[in-house]
């Protein structure tokens, strides 16, 4: 017979090993990152410089482009403020250290919560919504070498209006995934070839495996078997009897095989808590890794989106004390200080060949949701975003990765 203590010991070791495989941990690093500030984004539509959330961002002809977005210009949401959407387009010449933002035009309509991606032809702006409409529109913004004005070219519309989605670019192709479709969470995945004639149309690719992912991040990078499209973060909202779901894994898609796989799990925090990049950003870095940053805290966010169902259950159970507690939590949710929300401060690097995570440090400049992130060489630019629900920042921060 086997010694019971030996068998139990092997079982415990097996559990530890399996847990380690499923929950990769970050590694130390020796990369230096130096932060500085670019000029704050001016106020949209002649409002104060409050910053915006969910704008279109990218680079065209060496100029940083920021278009659209939304904020609460008159008074905070906690005081009954009304969200306003914008159409303004601003540019900043990154080749001039003394440059200031210039108003360069307007989008056809006020819009936020779309997706944008930098391409050799310019910045592709996709979908989004405002207070009344949801859009399938797609536009290419390209800046002039002479006066810095922006030319707007209409591209093929999405097959369906989409918002709170994400986009990436690889091999002359724009990919979009996640978000809402016709105001409902969806799993669609589309691609459009972007050739010189700018006359490509959208192709439907295999759906993202369930659950749906609203506000995910998407990035394309080389891997051991060629270019892959990587999808992380996002959430499936509460629906009927189904709890909200905040996935803590990362998927990848191979354009050649047209198959999705579960790439890896996102690394846990040091205390064992789960992580998400919902509302965050991801950018391809060099030719073998992706940088992930920002977004909401997994536990804080999941508790908030599931709270209505918990209240409903407590009411059905006749637990008036719990109902009162949950209702008070809901009322106070928007009133906490910035630090309470625990937006992600880590800059995580994922190697697409070794499948290893590296923590490049913790930085307050990354603790944003709905920000724009653009990588130009070794320069990472973080544009605006939320410091907490309802509160934006006009800051534009620059990190040099050495």
Protein backbone atom coordinates (compact mmCIF):
# COMPACT_ATOMS: atom_id res chain seq x y z
CA UNK A 1 0.00 0.00 0.00
CA UNK A 2 1.08 3.60 -0.63
CA UNK A 3 2.06 5.76 2.31
CA UNK A 4 -0.92 8.11 2.78
CA UNK A 5 1.27 11.10 3.72
CA UNK A 6 3.39 10.65 0.58
CA UNK A 7 0.29 10.48 -1.63
CA UNK A 8 -1.15 13.61 -0.01
CA UNK A 9 2.16 15.38 -0.49
CA UNK A 10 2.22 14.56 -4.20
CA UNK A 11 -1.38 15.76 -4.55
CA UNK A 12 -0.54 19.08 -2.91
CA UNK A 13 2.51 19.49 -5.18
CA UNK A 14 0.40 18.69 -8.24
CA UNK A 15 -2.15 21.35 -7.28
CA UNK A 16 0.64 23.91 -6.83
CA UNK A 17 2.16 23.04 -10.19
CA UNK A 18 -1.18 23.22 -12.00
CA UNK A 19 -1.98 26.52 -10.33
CA UNK A 20 1.35 27.91 -11.43
CA UNK A 21 0.68 26.85 -15.02
CA UNK A 22 -2.74 28.46 -15.06
CA UNK A 23 -1.75 31.67 -13.28
CA UNK A 24 1.59 32.98 -14.59
CA UNK A 25 3.37 35.48 -12.39
CA UNK A 26 5.27 38.60 -13.39
CA UNK A 27 9.05 38.59 -13.47
CA UNK A 28 11.52 41.29 -12.35
CA UNK A 29 13.13 43.45 -15.03
CA UNK A 30 15.97 45.92 -15.58
CA UNK A 31 14.28 48.23 -18.10
CA UNK A 32 14.39 51.96 -17.31
CA UNK A 33 11.31 54.12 -17.93
CA UNK A 34 11.48 57.91 -17.75
CA UNK A 35 8.28 59.95 -17.62
CA UNK A 36 7.63 63.49 -18.79
CA UNK A 37 4.58 65.55 -19.72
CA UNK A 38 3.39 66.78 -23.07
CA UNK A 39 1.04 69.79 -23.17
CA UNK A 40 -2.40 69.15 -21.68
CA UNK A 41 -5.16 68.58 -24.20
CA UNK A 42 -7.16 71.81 -24.71
CA UNK A 43 -10.84 71.96 -23.84
CA UNK A 44 -13.21 70.56 -26.43
CA UNK A 45 -15.83 72.83 -28.03
CA UNK A 46 -14.43 75.84 -26.14
CA UNK A 47 -15.01 74.22 -22.75
CA UNK A 48 -12.46 74.12 -19.95
CA UNK A 49 -9.48 71.78 -20.28
CA UNK A 50 -10.96 68.86 -18.34
CA UNK A 51 -9.72 66.00 -20.49
CA UNK A 52 -11.85 63.39 -22.22
CA UNK A 53 -12.48 59.68 -22.03
CA UNK A 54 -12.68 57.23 -24.95
CA UNK A 55 -11.37 59.51 -27.74
CA UNK A 56 -9.88 58.38 -31.05
CA UNK A 57 -6.07 58.61 -30.86
CA UNK A 58 -3.16 57.85 -33.17
CA UNK A 59 -0.26 59.26 -35.17
CA UNK A 60 -0.24 60.62 -38.71
CA UNK A 61 2.84 62.14 -40.37
CA UNK A 62 4.59 62.51 -37.03
CA UNK A 63 1.67 64.30 -35.42
CA UNK A 64 -0.32 63.02 -32.45
CA UNK A 65 -4.03 63.08 -33.31
CA UNK A 66 -6.83 63.17 -30.72
CA UNK A 67 -10.45 63.32 -31.88
CA UNK A 68 -13.81 63.14 -30.14
CA UNK A 69 -14.27 61.78 -26.64
CA UNK A 70 -16.62 62.74 -23.83
CA UNK A 71 -16.70 64.34 -20.37
CA UNK A 72 -18.92 66.22 -17.93
CA UNK A 73 -18.14 69.89 -18.67
CA UNK A 74 -20.72 71.72 -16.55
CA UNK A 75 -20.67 69.84 -13.24
CA UNK A 76 -19.57 66.42 -11.99
CA UNK A 77 -21.77 63.40 -12.56
CA UNK A 78 -22.14 63.11 -8.77
CA UNK A 79 -23.93 66.49 -8.84
CA UNK A 80 -26.19 65.55 -11.72
CA UNK A 81 -23.81 66.55 -14.52
CA UNK A 82 -24.70 65.51 -18.08
CA UNK A 83 -22.16 63.73 -20.27
CA UNK A 84 -21.21 65.67 -23.41
CA UNK A 85 -19.72 64.21 -26.59
CA UNK A 86 -17.31 66.04 -28.89
CA UNK A 87 -16.27 66.19 -32.55
CA UNK A 88 -13.11 68.32 -32.16
CA UNK A 89 -9.85 67.12 -33.74
CA UNK A 90 -6.55 68.28 -32.22
CA UNK A 91 -2.99 67.59 -33.39
CA UNK A 92 0.41 67.93 -31.71
CA UNK A 93 3.66 67.93 -33.70
CA UNK A 94 5.87 65.37 -31.92
CA UNK A 95 8.97 66.52 -33.80
CA UNK A 96 8.86 69.96 -32.14
CA UNK A 97 9.63 70.01 -28.40
CA UNK A 98 7.96 73.41 -28.11
CA UNK A 99 4.85 72.50 -30.06
CA UNK A 100 1.37 73.17 -28.71
CA UNK A 101 -1.92 71.57 -29.61
CA UNK A 102 -3.65 72.87 -32.74
CA UNK A 103 -7.33 72.65 -33.59
CA UNK A 104 -7.29 70.75 -36.89
CA UNK A 105 -10.95 70.24 -37.72
CA UNK A 106 -14.01 68.30 -36.64
CA UNK A 107 -15.35 64.81 -37.05
CA UNK A 108 -18.65 64.53 -38.95
CA UNK A 109 -20.46 63.99 -35.63
CA UNK A 110 -19.67 64.06 -31.90
CA UNK A 111 -18.57 60.56 -30.86
CA UNK A 112 -16.75 58.57 -28.17
CA UNK A 113 -16.31 54.90 -27.22
CA UNK A 114 -15.17 53.84 -30.69
CA UNK A 115 -11.83 52.26 -31.59
CA UNK A 116 -8.83 53.74 -33.38
CA UNK A 117 -5.60 52.43 -34.80
CA UNK A 118 -2.53 53.97 -36.42
CA UNK A 119 -1.74 52.80 -39.96
CA UNK A 120 0.73 54.01 -42.63
CA UNK A 121 -2.18 55.84 -44.27
CA UNK A 122 -3.28 57.62 -41.08
CA UNK A 123 -5.51 57.06 -38.07
CA UNK A 124 -8.52 54.80 -38.67
CA UNK A 125 -11.49 55.75 -36.43
CA UNK A 126 -14.13 53.06 -36.06
CA UNK A 127 -17.67 53.03 -34.68
CA UNK A 128 -18.58 54.56 -31.32
CA UNK A 129 -21.64 56.31 -29.98
CA UNK A 130 -22.97 59.55 -28.56
CA UNK A 131 -26.00 60.36 -26.42
CA UNK A 132 -28.47 59.56 -29.21
CA UNK A 133 -26.82 57.39 -31.87
CA UNK A 134 -24.64 54.31 -32.34
CA UNK A 135 -22.33 54.23 -35.33
CA UNK A 136 -21.00 51.85 -37.95
CA UNK A 137 -19.06 54.72 -39.56
CA UNK A 138 -15.34 54.35 -40.27
CA UNK A 139 -13.07 57.27 -41.18
CA UNK A 140 -9.39 57.72 -41.96
CA UNK A 141 -7.76 60.86 -40.48
CA UNK A 142 -4.53 61.97 -42.13
CA UNK A 143 -2.59 65.15 -41.37
CA UNK A 144 -1.12 67.55 -43.90
CA UNK A 145 2.66 67.97 -44.04
CA UNK A 146 2.18 71.70 -44.64
CA UNK A 147 -0.37 73.33 -42.37
CA UNK A 148 -1.22 70.44 -40.03
CA UNK A 149 -4.84 70.28 -41.10
CA UNK A 150 -6.60 66.92 -41.06
CA UNK A 151 -8.10 65.27 -44.10
CA UNK A 152 -11.07 62.99 -43.39
CA UNK A 153 -11.71 60.07 -45.76
CA UNK A 154 -14.74 57.86 -45.33
CA UNK A 155 -13.99 54.13 -45.45
CA UNK A 156 -16.34 51.15 -45.66
CA UNK A 157 -18.78 51.10 -42.74
CA UNK A 158 -18.85 48.24 -40.27
CA UNK A 159 -21.48 45.57 -40.99
CA UNK A 160 -23.25 46.66 -37.80
CA UNK A 161 -23.03 49.67 -35.42
CA UNK A 162 -20.41 48.92 -32.75
CA UNK A 163 -19.23 50.74 -29.63
CA UNK A 164 -16.83 50.02 -26.76
CA UNK A 165 -14.82 47.80 -29.11
CA UNK A 166 -11.08 47.58 -29.78
CA UNK A 167 -8.93 47.59 -32.91
CA UNK A 168 -5.46 46.69 -34.12
CA UNK A 169 -3.48 46.69 -37.38
CA UNK A 170 -1.19 44.11 -38.98
CA UNK A 171 -0.15 43.14 -42.51
CA UNK A 172 -2.19 45.90 -44.20
CA UNK A 173 -5.29 44.78 -42.30
CA UNK A 174 -7.44 46.46 -39.65
CA UNK A 175 -9.03 44.11 -37.13
CA UNK A 176 -11.89 44.97 -34.74
CA UNK A 177 -13.32 42.88 -31.91
CA UNK A 178 -15.47 43.08 -28.81
CA UNK A 179 -17.89 45.72 -27.64
CA UNK A 180 -21.58 46.16 -28.32
CA UNK A 181 -23.34 45.45 -31.61
CA UNK A 182 -26.59 47.32 -32.08
CA UNK A 183 -26.43 48.18 -28.36
CA UNK A 184 -26.07 44.54 -27.27
CA UNK A 185 -22.84 42.76 -26.20
CA UNK A 186 -21.49 40.78 -29.14
CA UNK A 187 -18.76 38.34 -30.11
CA UNK A 188 -18.14 39.43 -33.70
CA UNK A 189 -14.66 39.74 -35.16
CA UNK A 190 -14.11 41.66 -38.40
CA UNK A 191 -11.16 42.51 -40.64
CA UNK A 192 -10.65 44.97 -43.49
CA UNK A 193 -7.72 45.14 -45.93
CA UNK A 194 -6.42 48.70 -46.09
CA UNK A 195 -4.77 49.11 -49.47
CA UNK A 196 -3.69 52.28 -51.25
CA UNK A 197 -7.07 52.64 -52.94
CA UNK A 198 -8.81 52.63 -49.54
CA UNK A 199 -11.68 50.63 -51.02
CA UNK A 200 -11.50 47.48 -48.89
CA UNK A 201 -14.58 46.04 -47.23
CA UNK A 202 -15.10 44.25 -43.93
CA UNK A 203 -14.81 40.47 -43.72
CA UNK A 204 -16.47 38.53 -40.91
CA UNK A 205 -14.01 36.22 -39.16
CA UNK A 206 -14.78 33.48 -36.60
CA UNK A 207 -16.53 34.87 -33.55
CA UNK A 208 -14.65 35.49 -30.32
CA UNK A 209 -15.26 32.55 -27.97
CA UNK A 210 -17.80 33.32 -25.24
CA UNK A 211 -18.25 35.29 -23.11
CA UNK A 212 -18.77 38.64 -24.82
CA UNK A 213 -16.09 41.25 -24.15
CA UNK A 214 -17.11 44.89 -23.87
CA UNK A 215 -14.17 47.35 -23.59
CA UNK A 216 -11.41 44.82 -24.31
CA UNK A 217 -7.88 45.47 -25.57
CA UNK A 218 -6.57 44.14 -28.89
CA UNK A 219 -3.02 43.98 -30.27
CA UNK A 220 -1.23 42.25 -33.14
CA UNK A 221 2.28 40.83 -32.81
CA UNK A 222 4.61 38.24 -34.27
CA UNK A 223 4.75 34.85 -32.55
CA UNK A 224 6.43 31.48 -33.01
CA UNK A 225 3.85 30.51 -35.69
CA UNK A 226 3.46 33.92 -37.34
CA UNK A 227 1.40 37.02 -36.62
CA UNK A 228 -1.35 36.58 -34.06
CA UNK A 229 -4.11 38.89 -32.83
CA UNK A 230 -4.26 39.03 -29.02
CA UNK A 231 -7.45 39.88 -27.10
CA UNK A 232 -7.63 40.51 -23.33
CA UNK A 233 -9.87 42.28 -20.84
CA UNK A 234 -13.46 43.26 -21.46
CA UNK A 235 -16.58 42.09 -19.67
CA UNK A 236 -19.97 40.53 -20.33
CA UNK A 237 -22.61 42.66 -18.57
CA UNK A 238 -25.19 41.35 -16.16
CA UNK A 239 -28.13 39.89 -18.07
CA UNK A 240 -31.24 38.33 -16.57
CA UNK A 241 -30.25 35.44 -14.33
CA UNK A 242 -26.66 35.46 -15.61
CA UNK A 243 -23.98 37.19 -13.55
CA UNK A 244 -21.63 39.64 -15.18
CA UNK A 245 -18.39 37.99 -16.32
CA UNK A 246 -14.95 39.61 -16.30
CA UNK A 247 -12.59 37.19 -18.09
CA UNK A 248 -9.08 36.96 -16.65
CA UNK A 249 -7.52 35.15 -19.61
CA UNK A 250 -6.03 36.23 -22.94
CA UNK A 251 -7.08 34.79 -26.28
CA UNK A 252 -5.17 34.80 -29.55
CA UNK A 253 -6.25 34.40 -33.16
CA UNK A 254 -4.16 33.14 -36.08
CA UNK A 255 -5.18 34.79 -39.40
CA UNK A 256 -3.81 31.79 -41.32
CA UNK A 257 -5.67 29.01 -39.51
CA UNK A 258 -8.56 31.30 -38.56
CA UNK A 259 -8.71 29.74 -35.11
CA UNK A 260 -8.95 31.22 -31.61
CA UNK A 261 -7.04 29.69 -28.72
CA UNK A 262 -6.69 30.52 -25.04
CA UNK A 263 -3.20 31.98 -25.01
CA UNK A 264 -2.64 32.35 -21.27
CA UNK A 265 -4.09 33.63 -18.02
CA UNK A 266 -3.38 37.19 -16.95
CA UNK A 267 -0.84 37.38 -14.11
CA UNK A 268 -2.23 37.67 -10.61
CA UNK A 269 -1.40 40.52 -8.26
CA UNK A 270 1.10 39.80 -5.48
CA UNK A 271 -1.78 39.19 -3.06
CA UNK A 272 -3.32 36.57 -5.37
CA UNK A 273 -6.11 38.83 -6.65
CA UNK A 274 -7.20 38.57 -10.27
CA UNK A 275 -6.38 41.17 -12.89
CA UNK A 276 -8.26 42.58 -15.87
CA UNK A 277 -7.43 45.09 -18.60
CA UNK A 278 -11.05 46.14 -19.10
CA UNK A 279 -11.00 49.78 -20.18
CA UNK A 280 -7.21 49.60 -20.52
CA UNK A 281 -4.78 49.69 -23.44
CA UNK A 282 -2.43 47.36 -25.31
CA UNK A 283 0.27 48.19 -27.87
CA UNK A 284 2.73 46.01 -29.79
CA UNK A 285 6.32 46.63 -28.65
CA UNK A 286 9.29 45.90 -30.93
CA UNK A 287 8.86 42.54 -32.73
CA UNK A 288 8.20 40.07 -29.91
CA UNK A 289 6.08 41.57 -27.15
CA UNK A 290 2.97 43.53 -26.19
CA UNK A 291 2.65 46.19 -23.50
CA UNK A 292 -0.54 46.12 -21.40
CA UNK A 293 -1.59 48.96 -19.11
CA UNK A 294 -4.42 50.78 -17.36
CA UNK A 295 -8.00 49.72 -16.90
CA UNK A 296 -10.21 48.99 -13.94
CA UNK A 297 -9.59 46.83 -10.89
CA UNK A 298 -11.09 43.33 -11.28
CA UNK A 299 -12.67 43.03 -7.83
CA UNK A 300 -13.97 46.60 -7.58
CA UNK A 301 -15.48 46.48 -11.07
CA UNK A 302 -17.05 43.02 -10.83
CA UNK A 303 -18.67 43.89 -7.49
CA UNK A 304 -20.16 47.05 -9.01
CA UNK A 305 -21.61 45.47 -12.14
CA UNK A 306 -23.07 42.51 -10.21
CA UNK A 307 -24.52 44.60 -7.37
CA UNK A 308 -28.05 44.93 -8.89
CA UNK A 309 -28.43 41.15 -8.99
CA UNK A 310 -27.16 40.79 -5.42
CA UNK A 311 -29.75 43.32 -4.28
CA UNK A 312 -32.48 41.45 -6.14
CA UNK A 313 -31.47 38.16 -4.52
CA UNK A 314 -31.29 39.71 -1.04
CA UNK A 315 -34.78 41.16 -1.54
CA UNK A 316 -36.09 37.75 -2.62
CA UNK A 317 -34.50 36.19 0.48
CA UNK A 318 -36.02 38.83 2.73
CA UNK A 319 -32.56 39.90 3.93
CA UNK A 320 -33.31 43.57 4.56
CA UNK A 321 -29.96 44.18 6.27
CA UNK A 322 -28.03 43.00 3.21
CA UNK A 323 -30.32 44.95 0.90
CA UNK A 324 -29.57 48.11 2.89
CA UNK A 325 -25.82 47.46 2.85
CA UNK A 326 -25.72 46.84 -0.90
CA UNK A 327 -27.87 49.88 -1.64
CA UNK A 328 -25.59 52.09 0.44
CA UNK A 329 -22.57 50.68 -1.40
CA UNK A 330 -24.24 51.57 -4.67
CA UNK A 331 -25.05 55.13 -3.55
CA UNK A 332 -21.49 55.76 -2.36
CA UNK A 333 -19.75 54.11 -5.34
CA UNK A 334 -19.14 57.34 -7.29
CA UNK A 335 -18.00 59.32 -4.24
CA UNK A 336 -14.82 57.48 -3.21
CA UNK A 337 -11.36 59.08 -3.61
CA UNK A 338 -9.36 58.16 -6.72
CA UNK A 339 -7.17 55.65 -4.85
CA UNK A 340 -10.15 53.55 -3.77
CA UNK A 341 -10.91 52.41 -7.33
CA UNK A 342 -7.44 50.87 -7.74
CA UNK A 343 -7.12 51.46 -11.47
CA UNK A 344 -4.15 49.47 -12.77
CA UNK A 345 -0.76 51.16 -12.37
CA UNK A 346 1.41 48.31 -13.70
CA UNK A 347 3.08 48.31 -17.12
CA UNK A 348 3.11 44.62 -18.09
CA UNK A 349 5.09 43.19 -20.98
CA UNK A 350 4.04 39.91 -22.59
CA UNK A 351 6.56 38.04 -24.74
CA UNK A 352 4.62 36.39 -27.55
CA UNK A 353 7.38 33.83 -28.20
CA UNK A 354 8.18 32.69 -24.65
CA UNK A 355 4.69 33.45 -23.24
CA UNK A 356 6.32 35.12 -20.23
CA UNK A 357 5.09 38.22 -18.40
CA UNK A 358 7.42 40.96 -17.18
CA UNK A 359 6.38 43.73 -14.82
CA UNK A 360 8.05 46.94 -15.99
CA UNK A 361 7.02 48.87 -12.89
CA UNK A 362 4.11 50.67 -11.25
CA UNK A 363 3.29 54.17 -12.52
CA UNK A 364 0.49 56.53 -11.50
CA UNK A 365 0.41 57.87 -15.08
CA UNK A 366 -1.09 54.55 -16.20
CA UNK A 367 -3.95 54.46 -13.67
CA UNK A 368 -6.54 55.45 -16.27
CA UNK A 369 -9.62 53.90 -17.85
CA UNK A 370 -10.68 54.93 -21.32
CA UNK A 371 -7.31 56.51 -22.13
CA UNK A 372 -5.56 56.42 -25.48
CA UNK A 373 -2.16 54.72 -25.75
CA UNK A 374 0.19 55.19 -28.70
CA UNK A 375 3.69 53.77 -29.14
CA UNK A 376 6.14 55.63 -31.39
CA UNK A 377 9.49 53.87 -31.33
CA UNK A 378 10.45 53.68 -27.65
CA UNK A 379 8.03 56.48 -26.69
CA UNK A 380 4.76 55.49 -25.05
CA UNK A 381 2.13 58.25 -25.01
CA UNK A 382 -0.88 58.10 -22.68
CA UNK A 383 -3.73 60.47 -23.60
CA UNK A 384 -6.31 61.59 -21.02
CA UNK A 385 -8.78 58.98 -19.68
CA UNK A 386 -10.64 58.63 -16.39
CA UNK A 387 -8.97 58.90 -12.99
CA UNK A 388 -12.17 57.46 -11.48
CA UNK A 389 -15.71 57.06 -12.81
CA UNK A 390 -16.89 60.43 -14.11
CA UNK A 391 -13.60 62.31 -13.58
CA UNK A 392 -11.22 62.82 -16.52
CA UNK A 393 -7.71 64.21 -16.74
CA UNK A 394 -6.38 66.54 -19.47
CA UNK A 395 -2.84 65.17 -19.00
CA UNK A 396 -0.86 63.70 -21.87
CA UNK A 397 2.07 61.72 -20.46
CA UNK A 398 5.15 60.47 -22.28
CA UNK A 399 7.26 57.48 -21.18
CA UNK A 400 10.66 56.75 -22.74
CA UNK A 401 11.42 53.02 -22.47
CA UNK A 402 15.15 52.33 -22.27
